């Protein structure tokens, strides 16, 4: 057989194997992450009844929505290091069961204090889940295939909006005062239970890695492991705390902060902005809120494919962030439902593309405990934007009656994040590296556990 034909046949075989792995793992992980997003963001729909029912102000809501991320910050890094040590099967299952119980318990808060406590506990419970998924993907897929995998993973976010918002509207409308509970209380109870069920299924359905996958043949395991071993040969094992001293890791923290700021402005305030645009019924708000999430699915998947085919990573993040910031700024310049839906849909599409493709950057340079700790640190610091952006916008709205000033400030942060992305040396993160990767590493002052570029 001609060498080119042999190589083409080998590539087709590898593609078929990775499709099988993807179909085995990703549908279940997408569903799990979807319920994580639903339980994190259903507070945005609950707000439409909860504030008047409990007498909470917009500032109380903004702080409660954001305090989730304080708990998240405290335990995200330890959680991911534990996952790396004990395995994804038990640890991801534990996370889901815990947060499902806490989410359902939020239905019974009566004062701002207990509202803050339950939001904090929810963040503490969920900490490490998304970072764990990002890390888990590195156990199965080499870098050249992870753009599409991360896009599939983040697909859970728009699916949560498509499923969660209309479902929330229906629950809050049709179950209001059923068995003596308000609609917002039923929302927390009903949407918390699937997370507990998924957590129990994790214990049965997930494998910790290639070596424990009984559905793979020894030859298939060897092929998958060989691809990872070849890639990791450039990545010496990290010192447990080495990622803390990397300027590049902290730069990625800032970029992740900008991405999270955009994501949570849309996630926490979309229903309120749609109601302000003139939609009064809760069911109507839920249906309109699903539109920006539904439209985001196609660009999310197309950009994941584009990033893998081209090998280009930075501009897929930077351009998306700049578009997101511009769209959010434009959302403050007009009134009416059409303006709100168009600008927020564009912003939402762009920020989800940035979120999915961003995780190729740390995954390209970190390995071992450096990957477990570094990815979790980036995720936890980045998610602090989930505390600051809702809190600031809530306080601004309470003071001024409008969210415009707060949204414009967040838009500026998002654009800055896009520009900072271009400061990452291309040779370190793009799929087609050259010998220039070595000198680039020295210029950025990376610690010794980060990979050298390939030698000529």
Protein backbone atom coordinates (compact mmCIF):
# COMPACT_ATOMS: atom_id res chain seq x y z
CA UNK A 1 0.00 0.00 0.00
CA UNK A 2 1.24 3.49 -0.83
CA UNK A 3 2.41 5.43 2.29
CA UNK A 4 -0.12 8.22 1.66
CA UNK A 5 -2.97 5.72 1.40
CA UNK A 6 -1.79 3.97 4.55
CA UNK A 7 -1.68 7.31 6.39
CA UNK A 8 -5.16 8.25 5.16
CA UNK A 9 -6.56 4.90 6.28
CA UNK A 10 -4.94 5.35 9.70
CA UNK A 11 -6.47 8.81 10.06
CA UNK A 12 -9.93 7.51 9.15
CA UNK A 13 -9.57 4.78 11.76
CA UNK A 14 -8.50 7.31 14.39
CA UNK A 15 -11.40 9.59 13.49
CA UNK A 16 -13.84 6.70 13.90
CA UNK A 17 -12.35 5.83 17.29
CA UNK A 18 -12.58 9.40 18.56
CA UNK A 19 -16.16 9.69 17.30
CA UNK A 20 -16.98 6.62 19.36
CA UNK A 21 -15.34 8.09 22.45
CA UNK A 22 -17.15 11.39 21.90
CA UNK A 23 -20.55 9.70 21.56
CA UNK A 24 -19.89 7.63 24.67
CA UNK A 25 -18.84 10.53 26.91
CA UNK A 26 -20.20 13.83 25.69
CA UNK A 27 -24.02 13.43 25.65
CA UNK A 28 -24.07 12.52 29.35
CA UNK A 29 -21.55 15.23 30.30
CA UNK A 30 -23.52 17.83 28.33
CA UNK A 31 -26.68 16.90 30.25
CA UNK A 32 -24.83 17.09 33.58
CA UNK A 33 -23.36 20.50 32.81
CA UNK A 34 -26.73 21.71 31.50
CA UNK A 35 -28.31 21.06 34.89
CA UNK A 36 -25.38 22.80 36.59
CA UNK A 37 -26.08 25.92 34.53
CA UNK A 38 -29.83 25.67 35.11
CA UNK A 39 -29.33 25.45 38.89
CA UNK A 40 -26.82 28.30 38.82
CA UNK A 41 -28.89 30.69 36.70
CA UNK A 42 -32.51 29.82 37.56
CA UNK A 43 -32.27 32.58 40.14
CA UNK A 44 -32.69 35.01 37.19
CA UNK A 45 -36.20 33.70 36.51
CA UNK A 46 -37.03 33.15 40.20
CA UNK A 47 -36.24 36.84 40.75
CA UNK A 48 -39.38 37.86 38.86
CA UNK A 49 -41.51 36.51 41.76
CA UNK A 50 -39.01 36.09 44.57
CA UNK A 51 -38.19 39.76 45.12
CA UNK A 52 -41.79 40.85 45.66
CA UNK A 53 -42.61 37.71 47.66
CA UNK A 54 -39.74 38.17 50.12
CA UNK A 55 -39.37 41.95 49.91
CA UNK A 56 -35.83 41.84 48.51
CA UNK A 57 -34.29 44.81 46.66
CA UNK A 58 -32.39 44.65 43.36
CA UNK A 59 -29.18 45.10 45.35
CA UNK A 60 -30.00 42.08 47.55
CA UNK A 61 -30.63 40.02 44.42
CA UNK A 62 -27.40 41.18 42.77
CA UNK A 63 -25.34 40.35 45.86
CA UNK A 64 -27.07 37.00 46.31
CA UNK A 65 -26.55 36.08 42.67
CA UNK A 66 -22.89 36.98 42.97
CA UNK A 67 -22.02 35.49 46.39
CA UNK A 68 -22.27 32.07 44.71
CA UNK A 69 -18.85 32.77 43.25
CA UNK A 70 -17.17 33.42 46.59
CA UNK A 71 -17.87 29.83 47.62
CA UNK A 72 -16.83 28.73 44.13
CA UNK A 73 -13.49 30.56 44.45
CA UNK A 74 -12.62 29.04 47.81
CA UNK A 75 -12.95 25.41 46.75
CA UNK A 76 -12.39 25.30 42.98
CA UNK A 77 -8.64 24.60 43.07
CA UNK A 78 -8.76 22.03 45.92
CA UNK A 79 -11.71 20.33 44.24
CA UNK A 80 -9.89 19.88 40.93
CA UNK A 81 -6.76 18.58 42.65
CA UNK A 82 -8.92 16.04 44.50
CA UNK A 83 -10.53 14.99 41.21
CA UNK A 84 -7.10 14.47 39.66
CA UNK A 85 -6.17 12.23 42.59
CA UNK A 86 -9.37 10.21 43.22
CA UNK A 87 -10.88 10.21 39.71
CA UNK A 88 -13.76 11.91 37.92
CA UNK A 89 -16.34 9.19 38.53
CA UNK A 90 -16.74 9.64 42.27
CA UNK A 91 -15.85 13.30 42.51
CA UNK A 92 -18.12 14.64 39.75
CA UNK A 93 -20.94 12.48 41.17
CA UNK A 94 -20.38 13.92 44.64
CA UNK A 95 -20.44 17.47 43.29
CA UNK A 96 -23.73 16.99 41.46
CA UNK A 97 -25.54 15.34 44.36
CA UNK A 98 -24.43 18.07 46.77
CA UNK A 99 -25.37 21.01 44.59
CA UNK A 100 -28.73 19.46 43.68
CA UNK A 101 -29.67 19.22 47.36
CA UNK A 102 -28.52 22.79 48.09
CA UNK A 103 -30.31 24.17 45.01
CA UNK A 104 -33.59 22.57 46.06
CA UNK A 105 -33.10 23.92 49.59
CA UNK A 106 -32.96 27.50 48.26
CA UNK A 107 -36.74 27.26 47.89
CA UNK A 108 -37.14 27.72 51.64
CA UNK A 109 -35.08 30.87 52.27
CA UNK A 110 -37.00 33.75 53.86
CA UNK A 111 -34.40 36.44 54.64
CA UNK A 112 -31.47 38.02 52.77
CA UNK A 113 -29.07 36.32 55.19
CA UNK A 114 -30.27 32.82 54.34
CA UNK A 115 -30.48 33.71 50.67
CA UNK A 116 -26.78 34.63 50.79
CA UNK A 117 -25.95 31.47 52.79
CA UNK A 118 -27.61 29.13 50.29
CA UNK A 119 -26.06 30.88 47.29
CA UNK A 120 -22.64 30.62 48.97
CA UNK A 121 -23.20 26.92 49.70
CA UNK A 122 -24.30 26.33 46.11
CA UNK A 123 -21.02 27.82 44.88
CA UNK A 124 -19.07 25.75 47.39
CA UNK A 125 -20.89 22.60 46.27
CA UNK A 126 -20.46 23.17 42.53
CA UNK A 127 -16.82 24.29 42.76
CA UNK A 128 -14.59 22.22 40.55
CA UNK A 129 -17.30 20.86 38.26
CA UNK A 130 -16.61 22.82 35.07
CA UNK A 131 -12.86 22.86 35.71
CA UNK A 132 -13.14 19.12 36.25
CA UNK A 133 -14.86 18.69 32.88
CA UNK A 134 -12.11 20.69 31.16
CA UNK A 135 -9.47 18.55 32.85
CA UNK A 136 -11.39 15.34 32.13
CA UNK A 137 -11.31 16.11 28.39
CA UNK A 138 -7.49 16.17 28.54
CA UNK A 139 -7.57 12.58 29.81
CA UNK A 140 -9.16 11.43 26.54
CA UNK A 141 -8.53 13.88 23.68
CA UNK A 142 -5.29 15.38 22.31
CA UNK A 143 -5.10 19.15 21.82
CA UNK A 144 -5.84 18.99 18.07
CA UNK A 145 -9.31 17.57 18.83
CA UNK A 146 -10.26 19.56 21.91
CA UNK A 147 -11.67 22.66 20.17
CA UNK A 148 -14.74 20.73 19.09
CA UNK A 149 -14.92 18.88 22.41
CA UNK A 150 -14.95 22.11 24.42
CA UNK A 151 -17.55 23.53 22.02
CA UNK A 152 -19.73 20.46 22.66
CA UNK A 153 -19.20 20.88 26.40
CA UNK A 154 -20.22 24.54 26.35
CA UNK A 155 -23.22 23.55 24.23
CA UNK A 156 -24.75 22.77 27.63
CA UNK A 157 -25.00 26.51 28.34
CA UNK A 158 -27.34 27.45 25.47
CA UNK A 159 -29.24 24.19 25.97
CA UNK A 160 -29.77 25.22 29.60
CA UNK A 161 -31.23 28.49 28.36
CA UNK A 162 -33.42 26.79 25.74
CA UNK A 163 -34.73 24.21 28.23
CA UNK A 164 -34.47 26.06 31.53
CA UNK A 165 -36.07 29.43 30.72
CA UNK A 166 -39.35 28.16 29.20
CA UNK A 167 -39.55 25.41 31.84
CA UNK A 168 -39.06 27.98 34.58
CA UNK A 169 -41.79 30.18 33.12
CA UNK A 170 -44.20 27.24 33.02
CA UNK A 171 -43.40 26.11 36.57
CA UNK A 172 -43.73 29.60 38.03
CA UNK A 173 -47.03 30.20 36.22
CA UNK A 174 -48.82 26.88 36.63
CA UNK A 175 -47.53 25.69 40.01
CA UNK A 176 -47.79 28.99 41.84
CA UNK A 177 -49.36 28.35 45.27
CA UNK A 178 -49.61 24.59 44.63
CA UNK A 179 -49.35 22.80 48.02
CA UNK A 180 -48.83 26.20 49.61
CA UNK A 181 -45.57 27.00 47.77
CA UNK A 182 -44.92 29.93 45.44
CA UNK A 183 -43.96 29.30 41.84
CA UNK A 184 -40.34 30.37 42.46
CA UNK A 185 -40.11 27.83 45.29
CA UNK A 186 -41.30 25.02 43.02
CA UNK A 187 -38.72 26.18 40.48
CA UNK A 188 -35.82 25.49 42.84
CA UNK A 189 -37.22 22.16 44.03
CA UNK A 190 -38.06 20.73 40.61
CA UNK A 191 -34.85 21.89 38.90
CA UNK A 192 -32.62 20.70 41.75
CA UNK A 193 -33.74 17.05 41.67
CA UNK A 194 -32.34 16.14 38.20
CA UNK A 195 -28.85 17.13 39.39
CA UNK A 196 -29.07 14.59 42.21
CA UNK A 197 -30.16 11.90 39.74
CA UNK A 198 -27.32 12.75 37.34
CA UNK A 199 -24.87 12.60 40.23
CA UNK A 200 -25.97 9.07 41.05
CA UNK A 201 -25.67 8.12 37.36
CA UNK A 202 -22.09 9.46 37.32
CA UNK A 203 -21.13 6.70 39.73
CA UNK A 204 -22.22 4.13 37.17
CA UNK A 205 -21.63 5.70 33.77
CA UNK A 206 -18.29 7.54 34.00
CA UNK A 207 -14.81 6.04 33.70
CA UNK A 208 -11.87 7.75 35.35
CA UNK A 209 -9.84 7.52 32.18
CA UNK A 210 -8.79 5.42 29.21
CA UNK A 211 -7.34 2.62 31.32
CA UNK A 212 -10.61 1.85 33.14
CA UNK A 213 -12.90 1.98 30.09
CA UNK A 214 -14.26 -1.55 29.71
CA UNK A 215 -15.99 -0.58 26.44
CA UNK A 216 -12.60 -0.09 24.71
CA UNK A 217 -10.43 -2.91 23.38
CA UNK A 218 -6.78 -3.12 24.51
CA UNK A 219 -5.69 -1.94 21.03
CA UNK A 220 -8.04 1.06 21.19
CA UNK A 221 -6.79 1.98 24.65
CA UNK A 222 -3.21 1.77 23.41
CA UNK A 223 -3.97 4.06 20.46
CA UNK A 224 -5.70 6.69 22.60
CA UNK A 225 -3.02 6.60 25.27
CA UNK A 226 -0.20 6.79 22.73
CA UNK A 227 -1.64 10.00 21.29
CA UNK A 228 -1.77 11.59 24.73
CA UNK A 229 1.68 10.33 25.70
CA UNK A 230 3.19 11.81 22.54
CA UNK A 231 1.61 15.18 23.29
CA UNK A 232 2.50 15.15 27.00
CA UNK A 233 6.14 14.40 26.24
CA UNK A 234 6.57 18.17 25.88
CA UNK A 235 4.89 18.84 29.21
CA UNK A 236 7.00 17.91 32.25
CA UNK A 237 4.97 17.11 35.37
CA UNK A 238 4.09 20.23 37.31
CA UNK A 239 5.08 21.05 40.83
CA UNK A 240 1.85 21.10 42.89
CA UNK A 241 1.94 24.88 43.38
CA UNK A 242 3.99 25.84 40.31
CA UNK A 243 1.05 27.24 38.38
CA UNK A 244 0.63 29.94 41.03
CA UNK A 245 3.81 31.72 39.89
CA UNK A 246 3.17 31.68 36.14
CA UNK A 247 2.54 35.13 34.59
CA UNK A 248 0.82 33.42 31.69
CA UNK A 249 -1.62 31.59 34.00
CA UNK A 250 -2.52 34.89 35.69
CA UNK A 251 -2.97 36.55 32.31
CA UNK A 252 -5.43 33.80 31.45
CA UNK A 253 -7.22 34.46 34.76
CA UNK A 254 -7.87 38.04 33.58
CA UNK A 255 -9.13 36.86 30.20
CA UNK A 256 -11.42 34.31 31.87
CA UNK A 257 -12.69 37.12 34.14
CA UNK A 258 -13.72 39.11 31.05
CA UNK A 259 -15.46 36.09 29.52
CA UNK A 260 -17.36 35.37 32.73
CA UNK A 261 -18.39 39.02 33.02
CA UNK A 262 -20.08 38.80 29.63
CA UNK A 263 -21.63 35.42 30.29
CA UNK A 264 -23.19 36.40 33.62
CA UNK A 265 -24.48 39.77 32.50
CA UNK A 266 -26.56 37.85 29.96
CA UNK A 267 -27.30 34.92 32.27
CA UNK A 268 -28.39 36.84 35.36
CA UNK A 269 -30.06 39.86 33.74
CA UNK A 270 -31.56 38.61 30.46
CA UNK A 271 -35.07 37.91 31.87
CA UNK A 272 -35.14 41.31 33.62
CA UNK A 273 -34.02 43.13 30.47
CA UNK A 274 -36.69 41.35 28.41
CA UNK A 275 -39.36 42.28 30.95
CA UNK A 276 -38.11 45.89 30.89
CA UNK A 277 -38.46 45.79 27.09
CA UNK A 278 -42.20 45.22 27.47
CA UNK A 279 -42.88 41.49 27.98
CA UNK A 280 -44.95 41.20 31.15
CA UNK A 281 -46.05 37.56 31.45
CA UNK A 282 -43.57 35.21 33.11
CA UNK A 283 -44.18 32.52 30.49
CA UNK A 284 -43.49 35.07 27.76
CA UNK A 285 -40.26 36.16 29.43
CA UNK A 286 -39.19 32.52 29.63
CA UNK A 287 -39.88 31.92 25.93
CA UNK A 288 -38.14 35.08 24.75
CA UNK A 289 -35.20 34.36 27.06
CA UNK A 290 -34.64 31.08 25.18
CA UNK A 291 -34.02 32.84 21.84
CA UNK A 292 -30.44 34.09 22.48
CA UNK A 293 -29.47 30.65 23.76
CA UNK A 294 -31.04 28.79 20.82
CA UNK A 295 -29.34 30.99 18.20
CA UNK A 296 -25.95 30.50 19.91
CA UNK A 297 -25.82 26.75 19.21
CA UNK A 298 -24.77 26.96 15.53
CA UNK A 299 -21.91 29.51 15.85
CA UNK A 300 -20.65 27.66 18.92
CA UNK A 301 -20.26 24.40 16.99
CA UNK A 302 -18.97 26.01 13.78
CA UNK A 303 -16.27 27.95 15.60
CA UNK A 304 -15.19 24.82 17.47
CA UNK A 305 -14.70 23.08 14.13
CA UNK A 306 -12.95 26.12 12.66
CA UNK A 307 -10.48 26.31 15.57
CA UNK A 308 -9.51 22.64 15.22
CA UNK A 309 -9.17 22.73 11.44
CA UNK A 310 -7.11 25.94 11.36
CA UNK A 311 -5.15 25.28 14.54
CA UNK A 312 -5.65 28.98 15.39
CA UNK A 313 -6.75 29.62 18.97
CA UNK A 314 -6.18 33.22 20.07
CA UNK A 315 -8.30 35.09 17.50
CA UNK A 316 -11.23 32.74 18.03
CA UNK A 317 -11.29 34.09 21.60
CA UNK A 318 -10.20 37.70 21.06
CA UNK A 319 -12.56 38.50 18.17
CA UNK A 320 -15.50 36.92 19.98
CA UNK A 321 -14.89 39.01 23.11
CA UNK A 322 -14.63 42.25 21.14
CA UNK A 323 -17.92 41.48 19.37
CA UNK A 324 -19.57 40.62 22.70
CA UNK A 325 -18.46 43.88 24.33
CA UNK A 326 -19.63 45.95 21.34
CA UNK A 327 -23.04 44.23 21.28
CA UNK A 328 -23.59 44.77 25.00
CA UNK A 329 -22.70 48.45 24.61
CA UNK A 330 -25.17 48.72 21.72
CA UNK A 331 -27.89 47.17 23.87
CA UNK A 332 -27.94 50.36 25.97
CA UNK A 333 -28.48 52.69 22.99
CA UNK A 334 -32.02 51.69 22.02
CA UNK A 335 -35.33 50.66 23.51
CA UNK A 336 -37.83 47.94 22.74
CA UNK A 337 -37.88 44.18 22.54
CA UNK A 338 -36.27 43.93 19.10
CA UNK A 339 -33.17 45.92 20.06
CA UNK A 340 -32.79 43.97 23.31
CA UNK A 341 -33.15 40.57 21.63
CA UNK A 342 -30.83 41.30 18.68
CA UNK A 343 -28.00 42.83 20.70
CA UNK A 344 -28.20 40.33 23.55
CA UNK A 345 -28.34 37.44 21.09
CA UNK A 346 -25.17 38.65 19.35
CA UNK A 347 -23.45 39.19 22.70
CA UNK A 348 -24.51 35.75 23.91
CA UNK A 349 -23.32 33.97 20.76
CA UNK A 350 -19.96 35.71 20.94
CA UNK A 351 -19.29 35.12 24.62
CA UNK A 352 -20.14 31.41 24.38
CA UNK A 353 -17.72 31.01 21.46
CA UNK A 354 -15.06 32.75 23.54
CA UNK A 355 -15.81 30.55 26.56
CA UNK A 356 -15.51 27.31 24.58
CA UNK A 357 -12.35 28.22 22.67
CA UNK A 358 -10.60 29.86 25.62
CA UNK A 359 -10.07 26.52 27.36
CA UNK A 360 -7.80 25.39 24.54
CA UNK A 361 -5.25 27.93 25.79
CA UNK A 362 -4.47 26.62 29.30
CA UNK A 363 -4.93 23.01 28.13
CA UNK A 364 -2.18 23.60 25.53
CA UNK A 365 0.47 24.52 28.09
CA UNK A 366 -0.39 22.73 31.35
CA UNK A 367 -0.09 19.07 32.32
CA UNK A 368 -0.53 16.84 35.38
CA UNK A 369 -1.13 18.72 38.62
CA UNK A 370 -0.24 21.89 36.74
CA UNK A 371 -3.31 21.30 34.57
CA UNK A 372 -5.55 20.34 37.51
CA UNK A 373 -4.54 23.32 39.63
CA UNK A 374 -3.98 25.84 36.84
CA UNK A 375 -7.29 25.21 35.08
CA UNK A 376 -9.14 25.43 38.41
CA UNK A 377 -7.33 28.65 39.39
CA UNK A 378 -8.14 30.27 36.06
CA UNK A 379 -11.75 29.16 36.30
CA UNK A 380 -12.23 30.30 39.90
CA UNK A 381 -10.57 33.72 39.48
CA UNK A 382 -12.38 34.21 36.20
CA UNK A 383 -15.70 33.37 37.78
CA UNK A 384 -15.28 36.16 40.32
CA UNK A 385 -16.80 38.24 37.54
CA UNK A 386 -19.98 36.36 38.38
CA UNK A 387 -19.82 38.05 41.79
CA UNK A 388 -18.84 41.54 40.66
CA UNK A 389 -20.93 42.03 37.52
CA UNK A 390 -24.38 41.12 38.98
CA UNK A 391 -23.58 42.95 42.23
CA UNK A 392 -22.45 46.12 40.47
CA UNK A 393 -25.33 46.13 37.99
CA UNK A 394 -27.83 45.47 40.81
CA UNK A 395 -26.42 48.33 42.87
CA UNK A 396 -26.39 50.68 39.85
CA UNK A 397 -30.01 49.83 39.03
CA UNK A 398 -31.08 50.35 42.65
CA UNK A 399 -29.36 53.76 42.67
CA UNK A 400 -30.28 55.01 39.19
CA UNK A 401 -33.24 52.93 38.04
CA UNK A 402 -31.29 51.77 34.97
CA UNK A 403 -28.75 49.05 34.20
CA UNK A 404 -27.08 51.00 31.36
CA UNK A 405 -24.05 52.37 33.24
CA UNK A 406 -23.25 48.98 34.76
CA UNK A 407 -23.58 47.19 31.40
CA UNK A 408 -21.28 49.71 29.68
CA UNK A 409 -18.63 49.17 32.37
CA UNK A 410 -18.82 45.41 31.91
CA UNK A 411 -18.64 45.84 28.10
CA UNK A 412 -15.34 47.72 28.48
CA UNK A 413 -13.90 44.90 30.62
CA UNK A 414 -14.92 42.34 27.98
CA UNK A 415 -13.22 44.25 25.13
CA UNK A 416 -10.08 44.58 27.26
CA UNK A 417 -10.12 40.81 27.78
CA UNK A 418 -10.16 40.35 24.02
CA UNK A 419 -7.09 42.54 23.62
CA UNK A 420 -5.26 40.74 26.43
CA UNK A 421 -5.83 37.41 24.64
CA UNK A 422 -3.55 38.60 21.84
CA UNK A 423 -0.71 39.02 24.37
CA UNK A 424 -0.46 35.21 24.68
CA UNK A 425 2.39 33.99 22.43
CA UNK A 426 0.82 32.34 19.42
CA UNK A 427 3.56 29.69 19.23
CA UNK A 428 2.55 28.33 22.63
CA UNK A 429 -1.13 27.73 21.97
CA UNK A 430 -1.80 27.39 18.25
CA UNK A 431 -2.11 23.89 16.85
CA UNK A 432 0.73 24.23 14.36
CA UNK A 433 3.72 25.18 16.48
CA UNK A 434 7.15 26.03 15.13
CA UNK A 435 10.63 26.22 16.57
CA UNK A 436 9.78 29.77 17.62
CA UNK A 437 7.86 28.33 20.55
CA UNK A 438 11.06 27.88 22.50
CA UNK A 439 12.19 31.53 22.40
CA UNK A 440 8.62 32.69 23.02
CA UNK A 441 8.59 30.74 26.25
CA UNK A 442 11.70 32.48 27.50
CA UNK A 443 10.26 35.91 26.70
CA UNK A 444 7.12 35.30 28.75
CA UNK A 445 8.97 34.16 31.86
CA UNK A 446 7.11 30.88 32.14
CA UNK A 447 8.11 28.54 34.97
CA UNK A 448 9.95 25.32 34.24
CA UNK A 449 6.93 23.03 34.39
CA UNK A 450 5.37 24.64 31.30
CA UNK A 451 6.26 23.01 27.99
CA UNK A 452 9.14 24.00 25.78
CA UNK A 453 8.37 24.36 22.10
CA UNK A 454 9.28 21.41 19.89
CA UNK A 455 12.85 21.25 18.83
CA UNK A 456 13.70 21.72 15.13
